[in-house]
Amino acid sequence: QLQLVESGGAVVQPGGSLRLSCSASGRTLKFYAIGWFRQAPGKEREGVSCVSESGRSTYYADSVKDRFTIARDSNGMTVYLDINGLKPEDTAVYYCAGASSDTTVRTMCGLRAPQLIKWWGRGTQVTVSS
């Protein structure tokens, strides 16, 4: 069992930056595909960015390409989501999720097989407002 914990959410002005972190209470994340998802009020949850178990494959939703960067830290304990150029439409609760190592990033982030996502964090709120 992975108990995923997100941190780093905040209220920021448009154009600002944030770093979100996902960890698993002292357990390594390096054997799992990890993804970041978000859900805004009244909207469905969407996949924002996912990284494969090896770290060699990444996926970004079109709405966040060139602004968001997903990365694993060198010891495999944390997965970060660096966010630049924040827009009001980025306002949402951001969730970290985990899947088995053979899950592709496109399958995971596209929610093509939701049952493959085995672990979810409780989320961290990102609010973009002037």
Foldseek 3Di string as FASTA:
>chain_A
DFAKAKDWADEAAAQAKTKMKIFGVPDFQLQWKKFKWWDDPPGDIATAKIAASNRPDMDGDPVQPPFWDWDADPVRGMIMIIGGRDDQVVWTWMKMWIFGRPDDGCCPRHVVPVVRTDYMYPTGTHGYHD
